[in-house]
Protein backbone atom coordinates (compact mmCIF):
# COMPACT_ATOMS: atom_id res chain seq x y z
CA MET A 1 3.46 -18.86 16.10
CA ALA A 2 4.18 -19.83 19.66
CA ASP A 3 4.45 -23.19 21.39
CA PRO A 4 1.85 -22.89 24.17
CA ARG A 5 3.69 -25.40 26.36
CA THR A 6 6.04 -22.60 27.32
CA ILE A 7 3.45 -19.92 28.06
CA ASP A 8 3.50 -20.17 31.85
CA ALA A 9 7.26 -20.46 32.13
CA LEU A 10 7.87 -17.59 29.73
CA ALA A 11 5.38 -15.31 31.44
CA ASP A 12 7.17 -15.89 34.75
CA ALA A 13 10.66 -15.66 33.29
CA PRO A 14 12.86 -13.05 34.97
CA ALA A 15 14.12 -10.08 32.99
CA GLU A 16 17.74 -10.93 33.83
CA ALA A 17 19.69 -12.50 31.00
CA PRO A 18 21.20 -15.97 31.10
CA PRO A 19 24.93 -16.27 31.73
CA ALA A 20 25.77 -15.84 28.04
CA ASP A 21 24.61 -12.28 27.41
CA PRO A 22 25.04 -11.13 23.80
CA GLN A 23 24.07 -7.60 24.79
CA ALA A 24 27.09 -7.45 27.07
CA GLU A 25 29.60 -8.48 24.40
CA PRO A 26 32.51 -6.10 23.80
CA ASP A 27 31.71 -3.70 20.98
CA PRO A 28 34.74 -1.46 20.45
CA GLY A 29 33.61 -0.17 17.07
CA GLY A 30 29.91 0.29 17.84
CA TYR A 31 27.13 -0.93 15.58
CA SER A 32 27.39 -0.45 11.84
CA LEU A 33 24.85 -1.78 9.35
CA ARG A 34 27.52 -2.00 6.65
CA ARG A 35 29.90 -3.97 8.86
CA ASP A 36 27.28 -6.12 10.61
CA VAL A 37 25.38 -7.25 7.52
CA SER A 38 25.89 -10.87 6.52
CA PHE A 39 24.47 -13.30 4.00
CA SER A 40 23.44 -15.75 6.74
CA ALA A 41 21.35 -13.09 8.51
CA LEU A 42 19.64 -12.07 5.27
CA LEU A 43 18.97 -15.74 4.45
CA ALA A 44 17.46 -16.29 7.91
CA GLY A 45 15.07 -13.42 7.24
CA LEU A 46 14.10 -14.94 3.89
CA ILE A 47 13.45 -18.37 5.43
CA ALA A 48 11.34 -16.79 8.16
CA VAL A 49 9.22 -14.97 5.57
CA VAL A 50 8.65 -18.21 3.64
CA VAL A 51 7.49 -19.89 6.86
CA CYS A 52 5.14 -16.96 7.61
CA TYR A 53 3.49 -16.90 4.21
CA SER A 54 3.08 -20.62 3.55
CA GLY A 55 0.75 -22.26 6.08
CA PRO A 56 -0.33 -19.23 8.17
CA LEU A 57 -1.52 -17.30 5.12
CA VAL A 58 -3.84 -20.16 4.24
CA VAL A 59 -5.46 -19.77 7.68
CA VAL A 60 -5.87 -16.03 7.11
CA LEU A 61 -7.59 -16.65 3.77
CA ALA A 62 -9.87 -19.25 5.38
CA ALA A 63 -10.88 -16.65 7.98
CA ALA A 64 -11.52 -14.11 5.22
CA ARG A 65 -13.81 -16.57 3.45
CA ALA A 66 -15.62 -17.31 6.70
CA GLY A 67 -16.21 -13.59 7.13
CA HIS A 68 -17.46 -13.27 3.53
CA LEU A 69 -14.79 -10.70 2.64
CA ASP A 70 -14.28 -9.77 -0.98
CA GLN A 71 -10.87 -9.80 -2.65
CA ALA A 72 -10.22 -6.10 -1.99
CA HIS A 73 -10.82 -6.39 1.77
CA THR A 74 -8.85 -9.64 1.94
CA ALA A 75 -5.89 -8.04 0.15
CA SER A 76 -6.14 -5.07 2.52
CA TRP A 77 -5.99 -7.47 5.49
CA ILE A 78 -2.81 -9.06 4.14
CA TRP A 79 -1.40 -5.61 3.38
CA ALA A 80 -2.12 -4.41 6.92
CA VAL A 81 -0.57 -7.34 8.77
CA SER A 82 2.43 -7.40 6.40
CA ILE A 83 3.12 -3.66 6.62
CA GLY A 84 2.62 -3.68 10.39
CA SER A 85 4.93 -6.66 10.84
CA GLY A 86 7.47 -5.16 8.45
CA VAL A 87 7.64 -1.73 10.07
CA THR A 88 7.79 -3.07 13.63
CA SER A 89 10.36 -5.80 12.82
CA LEU A 90 12.55 -3.32 10.97
CA LEU A 91 12.41 -0.45 13.46
CA LEU A 92 12.43 -2.49 16.68
CA SER A 93 15.37 -4.60 15.48
CA TRP A 94 17.29 -1.46 14.49
CA TYR A 95 16.48 0.46 17.67
CA SER A 96 17.04 -2.36 20.17
CA ARG A 97 19.81 -4.16 18.21
CA LEU A 98 17.95 -7.39 18.90
CA PRO A 99 16.55 -9.82 16.29
CA VAL A 100 12.96 -8.73 16.95
CA VAL A 101 10.50 -10.48 14.65
CA THR A 102 6.82 -9.62 14.68
CA ALA A 103 3.94 -11.27 12.85
CA TRP A 104 0.22 -11.80 12.85
CA SER A 105 -1.24 -14.46 15.12
CA THR A 106 -2.07 -17.72 13.34
CA PRO A 107 -4.13 -18.98 16.31
CA GLY A 108 -5.87 -15.60 16.25
CA ALA A 109 -6.71 -16.10 12.57
CA ALA A 110 -7.93 -19.59 13.43
CA LEU A 111 -10.26 -18.04 16.01
CA LEU A 112 -11.66 -15.78 13.30
CA VAL A 113 -12.44 -18.75 11.05
CA SER A 114 -15.11 -19.86 13.50
CA SER A 115 -16.16 -16.42 14.77
CA LEU A 116 -15.82 -13.75 12.08
CA GLY A 117 -18.97 -14.71 10.20
CA ALA A 118 -21.14 -14.00 13.25
CA TYR A 119 -20.49 -10.24 13.11
CA THR A 120 -20.51 -7.50 10.53
CA TYR A 121 -17.12 -6.46 9.20
CA PRO A 122 -17.24 -3.00 10.87
CA GLU A 123 -18.02 -4.73 14.19
CA ALA A 124 -14.98 -6.97 13.69
CA ILE A 125 -12.85 -3.89 12.97
CA GLY A 126 -14.12 -2.35 16.21
CA ALA A 127 -13.13 -5.49 18.10
CA TYR A 128 -9.65 -5.43 16.51
CA LEU A 129 -9.27 -1.79 17.54
CA VAL A 130 -10.28 -2.42 21.15
CA SER A 131 -8.00 -5.45 21.38
CA GLY A 132 -5.07 -3.38 20.09
CA VAL A 133 -5.73 -0.61 22.60
CA VAL A 134 -5.89 -3.10 25.48
CA VAL A 135 -2.65 -4.83 24.44
CA THR A 136 -0.93 -1.44 24.11
CA LEU A 137 -2.01 -0.30 27.57
CA LEU A 138 -1.04 -3.59 29.18
CA GLY A 139 2.33 -3.39 27.47
CA VAL A 140 3.32 0.18 28.30
CA THR A 141 2.04 -0.02 31.89
CA GLY A 142 3.86 -3.27 32.67
CA LEU A 143 0.63 -5.12 33.54
CA PHE A 144 1.25 -7.63 30.77
CA GLY A 145 2.92 -10.34 32.86
CA ARG A 146 0.49 -10.05 35.74
CA LEU A 147 -2.55 -10.46 33.51
CA VAL A 148 -1.09 -13.52 31.77
CA ARG A 149 -0.52 -15.12 35.17
CA ALA A 150 -4.03 -14.24 36.42
CA VAL A 151 -5.85 -16.56 34.01
CA PRO A 152 -5.11 -20.27 34.59
CA THR A 153 -2.63 -21.46 31.98
CA GLY A 154 -4.49 -24.73 31.44
CA VAL A 155 -7.73 -22.92 30.65
CA VAL A 156 -6.10 -20.54 28.14
CA ASN A 157 -4.36 -23.43 26.42
CA ALA A 158 -7.53 -25.52 26.37
CA MET A 159 -9.36 -22.62 24.68
CA LEU A 160 -6.57 -22.40 22.10
CA ALA A 161 -6.66 -26.18 21.52
CA GLY A 162 -10.41 -25.98 21.02
CA ILE A 163 -10.02 -23.21 18.45
CA LEU A 164 -7.42 -25.23 16.53
CA PHE A 165 -9.26 -28.56 16.76
CA GLU A 166 -11.29 -28.25 13.58
CA PHE A 167 -8.19 -27.43 11.56
CA GLY A 168 -6.64 -30.75 12.59
CA THR A 169 -9.76 -32.73 11.79
CA GLY A 170 -10.07 -30.82 8.52
CA ILE A 171 -6.98 -32.62 7.23
CA PHE A 172 -8.80 -35.94 7.29
CA SER A 173 -12.33 -34.79 6.49
CA SER A 174 -10.97 -33.40 3.20
CA LEU A 175 -9.69 -36.81 2.12
CA HIS A 176 -12.88 -37.56 0.19
CA SER A 177 -12.48 -34.52 -2.09
CA GLY A 178 -8.78 -34.87 -2.85
CA PRO A 179 -7.14 -37.98 -1.40
CA ALA A 180 -3.98 -37.72 -3.50
CA VAL A 181 -3.49 -34.08 -2.53
CA VAL A 182 -4.02 -34.68 1.18
CA ILE A 183 -1.89 -37.82 1.41
CA SER A 184 1.02 -36.37 -0.58
CA ALA A 185 1.02 -33.07 1.34
CA LEU A 186 0.81 -34.84 4.69
CA ALA A 187 3.59 -37.25 3.72
CA ALA A 188 5.80 -34.36 2.59
CA TYR A 189 5.15 -32.59 5.88
CA LEU A 190 6.13 -35.64 7.93
CA VAL A 191 9.28 -36.36 5.93
CA ALA A 192 10.41 -32.73 6.06
CA LYS A 193 9.55 -32.58 9.76
CA ARG A 194 11.90 -35.51 10.30
CA LEU A 195 14.75 -34.13 8.16
CA ARG A 196 14.38 -30.32 8.02
CA PRO A 197 11.64 -29.21 10.46
CA ARG A 198 11.65 -25.54 9.52
CA TYR A 199 10.74 -26.41 5.91
CA ALA A 200 7.92 -28.82 6.81
CA VAL A 201 4.99 -26.53 6.03
CA PRO A 202 6.47 -25.07 2.81
CA ALA A 203 7.22 -28.65 1.69
CA ALA A 204 3.60 -29.66 2.31
CA LEU A 205 2.40 -26.67 0.28
CA LEU A 206 4.78 -27.35 -2.61
CA VAL A 207 4.21 -31.11 -2.86
CA GLY A 208 0.47 -30.71 -2.33
CA ALA A 209 0.31 -28.11 -5.11
CA VAL A 210 2.14 -30.45 -7.49
CA ALA A 211 -0.25 -33.29 -6.60
CA ALA A 212 -3.21 -30.97 -7.12
CA ALA A 213 -1.92 -29.89 -10.54
CA LEU A 214 -1.62 -33.54 -11.57
CA THR A 215 -5.03 -34.62 -10.26
CA VAL A 216 -7.74 -32.04 -9.54
CA GLY A 217 -6.03 -29.13 -11.30
CA LEU A 218 -4.90 -25.64 -10.28
CA SER A 219 -6.43 -22.38 -11.49
CA LEU A 220 -3.74 -19.90 -10.49
CA HIS A 221 -3.59 -16.33 -11.74
CA LEU A 222 -1.87 -13.13 -10.63
CA GLY A 223 -4.88 -10.83 -10.70
CA HIS A 224 -4.10 -7.24 -11.69
CA GLY A 225 -0.51 -7.69 -10.47
CA GLY A 226 -0.24 -4.13 -9.16
CA LEU A 227 0.27 -2.57 -5.78
CA THR A 228 -2.31 -3.36 -3.11
CA ARG A 229 -4.80 -0.61 -2.34
CA PRO A 230 -5.67 -0.73 1.37
CA VAL A 231 -9.35 -0.38 2.21
CA LEU A 232 -10.24 1.81 5.17
CA THR A 233 -13.26 0.61 7.19
CA ALA A 234 -14.91 2.69 9.90
CA PRO A 235 -15.26 0.65 13.11
CA ALA A 236 -18.55 -0.18 14.77
CA PHE A 237 -18.65 -1.17 18.42
CA ASP A 238 -20.93 -4.00 19.43
CA GLY A 239 -20.96 -5.60 22.87
CA ALA A 240 -21.21 -9.14 21.55
CA ALA A 241 -18.29 -8.61 19.17
CA LEU A 242 -16.16 -7.08 21.91
CA ILE A 243 -16.75 -10.10 24.15
CA GLY A 244 -16.73 -12.75 21.45
CA LEU A 245 -13.81 -11.40 19.39
CA ALA A 246 -11.81 -8.73 21.21
CA LEU A 247 -11.41 -10.65 24.48
CA PRO A 248 -10.24 -13.98 22.99
CA LEU A 249 -7.97 -12.16 20.50
CA THR A 250 -6.38 -10.21 23.34
CA LEU A 251 -5.76 -13.31 25.43
CA VAL A 252 -4.30 -15.22 22.47
CA ALA A 253 -2.05 -12.26 21.62
CA LEU A 254 -0.76 -11.92 25.17
CA ALA A 255 -0.44 -15.55 26.23
CA SER A 256 0.14 -17.51 23.05
CA GLN A 257 2.19 -14.94 21.13
CA ASN A 258 3.86 -12.17 23.11
CA ALA A 259 4.81 -14.17 26.22
CA ALA A 260 6.34 -16.96 24.15
CA GLY A 261 8.01 -14.54 21.73
CA LEU A 262 9.74 -12.69 24.55
CA GLY A 263 10.72 -16.05 26.01
CA VAL A 264 12.41 -17.10 22.76
CA LEU A 265 14.58 -13.97 22.83
CA ARG A 266 15.50 -14.64 26.46
CA THR A 267 16.36 -18.23 25.58
CA PHE A 268 19.08 -16.95 23.24
CA GLY A 269 20.46 -14.67 25.94
CA TYR A 270 18.84 -11.39 24.97
CA ARG A 271 17.10 -9.02 27.38
CA PRO A 272 14.10 -7.60 25.52
CA GLU A 273 12.25 -4.61 26.95
CA ASP A 274 8.75 -5.96 27.49
CA ARG A 275 7.11 -2.56 27.59
CA LEU A 276 8.75 -1.38 24.39
CA LEU A 277 8.04 -4.48 22.30
CA VAL A 278 4.50 -5.21 23.50
CA GLY A 279 3.59 -1.52 23.52
CA ALA A 280 4.95 -0.92 20.01
CA THR A 281 3.23 -3.94 18.45
CA GLY A 282 0.01 -2.98 20.22
CA ALA A 283 0.23 0.56 18.84
CA ALA A 284 0.81 -0.82 15.33
CA SER A 285 -2.26 -3.01 15.79
CA VAL A 286 -4.37 0.03 16.67
CA LEU A 287 -3.17 2.03 13.65
CA LEU A 288 -3.75 -0.81 11.19
CA ALA A 289 -6.99 -2.25 12.59
CA PRO A 290 -9.20 -0.04 10.33
CA PHE A 291 -7.45 -1.61 7.33
CA GLY A 292 -8.29 -5.15 8.45
CA SER A 293 -5.44 -6.18 10.75
CA PRO A 294 -6.60 -8.31 13.74
CA GLY A 295 -3.28 -7.56 15.47
CA ILE A 296 0.50 -7.55 15.28
CA ASN A 297 2.38 -9.65 17.85
CA ILE A 298 5.89 -10.70 18.81
CA ALA A 299 6.68 -13.87 16.87
CA ALA A 300 8.15 -17.02 18.41
CA ILE A 301 9.01 -19.66 15.79
CA THR A 302 10.22 -17.16 13.19
CA ALA A 303 12.03 -15.31 15.97
CA ALA A 304 13.89 -18.52 16.78
CA ILE A 305 15.03 -18.72 13.14
CA CYS A 306 16.39 -15.17 13.22
CA ALA A 307 17.78 -15.25 16.77
CA GLY A 308 19.54 -18.62 16.48
CA PRO A 309 23.16 -19.36 15.53
CA GLU A 310 22.19 -20.10 11.92
CA SER A 311 21.50 -16.38 11.57
CA HIS A 312 25.04 -15.41 12.59
CA PRO A 313 27.70 -16.91 14.86
CA GLN A 314 27.93 -13.59 16.75
CA PRO A 315 24.66 -12.93 18.63
CA ARG A 316 25.13 -9.14 18.57
CA ARG A 317 24.98 -9.15 14.76
CA ARG A 318 21.76 -11.13 14.46
CA TYR A 319 19.61 -8.02 14.62
CA LEU A 320 20.15 -7.75 10.86
CA ALA A 321 17.97 -10.85 10.43
CA GLY A 322 15.09 -9.01 12.12
CA MET A 323 15.64 -6.02 9.84
CA SER A 324 15.85 -8.35 6.83
CA ILE A 325 12.49 -9.97 7.49
CA GLY A 326 11.04 -6.50 8.07
CA VAL A 327 12.07 -5.35 4.59
CA LEU A 328 10.75 -8.55 3.01
CA TYR A 329 7.43 -8.16 4.84
CA LEU A 330 7.08 -4.69 3.35
CA VAL A 331 7.80 -5.92 -0.17
CA VAL A 332 5.34 -8.81 0.05
CA GLY A 333 2.70 -6.64 1.70
CA CYS A 334 2.73 -4.15 -1.16
CA PHE A 335 1.64 -6.96 -3.48
CA GLY A 336 -0.90 -8.61 -1.17
CA GLY A 337 -3.47 -8.72 -3.98
CA VAL A 338 -1.19 -11.00 -5.97
CA LEU A 339 -0.98 -13.42 -3.04
CA VAL A 340 -4.76 -13.43 -2.67
CA SER A 341 -5.18 -14.21 -6.37
CA LEU A 342 -2.61 -17.02 -6.24
CA PHE A 343 -3.95 -18.69 -3.11
CA ALA A 344 -7.58 -18.29 -4.22
CA GLY A 345 -6.88 -20.87 -6.95
CA LEU A 346 -5.79 -23.56 -4.50
CA PRO A 347 -8.19 -26.54 -4.15
CA ALA A 348 -10.14 -26.76 -0.90
CA ALA A 349 -8.40 -30.03 0.00
CA LEU A 350 -4.96 -28.43 -0.31
CA VAL A 351 -6.02 -25.43 1.76
CA ALA A 352 -7.37 -27.76 4.45
CA VAL A 353 -4.28 -29.96 4.70
CA VAL A 354 -1.76 -27.08 4.62
CA GLY A 355 -3.72 -25.08 7.16
CA GLY A 356 -4.01 -28.18 9.34
CA VAL A 357 -0.34 -29.15 9.32
CA ALA A 358 0.65 -25.52 9.92
CA LEU A 359 -1.28 -25.67 13.20
CA ILE A 360 -0.41 -29.21 14.37
CA GLY A 361 2.47 -27.96 16.50
CA ALA A 362 0.35 -25.30 18.15
CA PHE A 363 -2.48 -27.76 18.74
CA GLN A 364 -0.38 -30.48 20.33
CA GLY A 365 1.49 -27.95 22.43
CA SER A 366 -1.68 -26.27 23.70
CA LEU A 367 -3.35 -29.62 24.42
CA ALA A 368 -0.33 -30.89 26.33
CA ALA A 369 -0.07 -27.66 28.33
CA ALA A 370 -3.81 -27.72 29.06
CA LEU A 371 -3.55 -31.16 30.66
CA ALA A 372 -0.13 -30.75 32.28
CA ASP A 373 -1.48 -29.72 35.69
CA GLU A 374 -3.58 -32.53 37.13
CA ARG A 375 -5.46 -30.13 39.39
CA GLY A 376 -6.70 -28.11 36.43
CA ARG A 377 -7.52 -30.91 34.00
CA GLU A 378 -11.27 -30.87 34.59
CA ALA A 379 -11.44 -27.12 34.00
CA ALA A 380 -9.32 -27.57 30.87
CA ALA A 381 -11.63 -30.34 29.64
CA VAL A 382 -14.70 -28.15 30.15
CA THR A 383 -13.01 -25.30 28.28
CA PHE A 384 -11.95 -27.53 25.40
CA LEU A 385 -15.35 -29.17 24.97
CA ALA A 386 -17.25 -25.88 25.15
CA THR A 387 -14.91 -24.23 22.65
CA THR A 388 -15.08 -27.08 20.15
CA SER A 389 -18.89 -27.23 20.44
CA GLY A 390 -19.31 -24.09 18.35
CA MET A 391 -21.99 -22.85 20.75
CA THR A 392 -23.28 -19.29 20.41
CA LEU A 393 -25.29 -17.53 23.12
CA TRP A 394 -26.54 -13.93 22.84
CA GLY A 395 -24.37 -13.47 19.78
CA ILE A 396 -21.16 -14.41 21.62
CA GLY A 397 -19.01 -17.21 20.23
CA ALA A 398 -17.77 -20.44 21.77
CA ALA A 399 -14.23 -19.26 22.57
CA PHE A 400 -15.47 -16.81 25.19
CA TRP A 401 -17.92 -19.27 26.73
CA GLY A 402 -15.25 -21.95 26.88
CA LEU A 403 -12.94 -19.53 28.68
CA LEU A 404 -15.67 -18.39 31.07
CA LEU A 405 -16.87 -21.90 31.89
CA GLY A 406 -13.31 -23.12 32.33
CA VAL A 407 -12.42 -20.33 34.76
CA GLY A 408 -15.69 -20.93 36.63
CA THR A 409 -14.97 -24.66 36.87
CA GLN A 410 -11.47 -23.96 38.16
CA LEU A 411 -12.78 -21.58 40.82
CA VAL A 412 -15.45 -24.03 42.01
CA LEU A 413 -13.10 -26.99 42.20
CA THR A 414 -10.20 -25.18 43.84
CA ALA A 415 -12.14 -22.96 46.28
CA ARG A 416 -11.30 -23.64 49.89
CA LYS A 417 -13.96 -25.43 51.85
CA ARG A 418 -15.19 -23.62 54.95
CA GLY A 419 -14.81 -25.62 58.12
């Protein structure tokens, strides 16, 4: 999940690598999986998977409940995003020799929490499919960067902050149903954030689960425990769903995920091929949309785990971390039904607090970026308020209207006056 404060800078970042270029390191023996593999790289992949499936999965399950999906379709959704992330992480890391990590979009799942219930499931699948096609075309044609720059950064971030707002307030509104669970999980998150930031969300989930077991109780079970059976759904194309779902999902994927994910790789000195990575993840999104995947994107936070020095002291050998997380994605995805069964037994208060703390970083980053430019603050405020209102007009959700009203406000306030 990306830090939206960096969206504008990352979208404008040049393709040239920083002075320390790991791709230019001497490599007399060539690449060899047997020689390059290391325990630290494999461990980095494992940590990244734990981060992906702790808080973000709770948001996915909340979106599934909002869309009234049964367990089979929910498991298929988890299967689709896991298999798509696994295949793309594994193959792109191997092919490019970069620590490429892909994932589903947590802000995108948060958007679906408030929007998915307004459309039929086939209409949502149609919106996922269209979004994937658009992302693929923008990636392979090189129009990706130009489109990200065309929409005011403050407006996009304000829309994202509005989508995430109810998750933050959900932490505190759930206090009445499970105060011990919420307080203990939040305290664990804050302590871990201070000492070991990357483990903050898993710590909140673990401590909150213990508190729930001691107070309100846990009803966990493994279900049938077998391999997940993906469910194929024929898409239906509805204008309201395309505007209310496909458009916001596309913008979140491009601006909040892919731009920041590419920027993380550049930060560590790599030179990722924008067209290859965005195009490949977009194509995976198209193929897996009929099975319930809203989209596969380039990851940012988990990419930082795999691309950083903790993965391996030698940057050119960190690609194994990307391959490692790819393999683990595939393993977890095959047993998506087990995850659904386990997380379905979590109390509502625990789901609310874990989902909320998992999105605090994204919320504060998007809110700060939305208000960073003084000239665009009024447009950002309009976008934020409209998005958080939950308004629906002609079957189209608040995220689109917030974006439209914000862009309109920006154009009116910044248009040159005629003399």
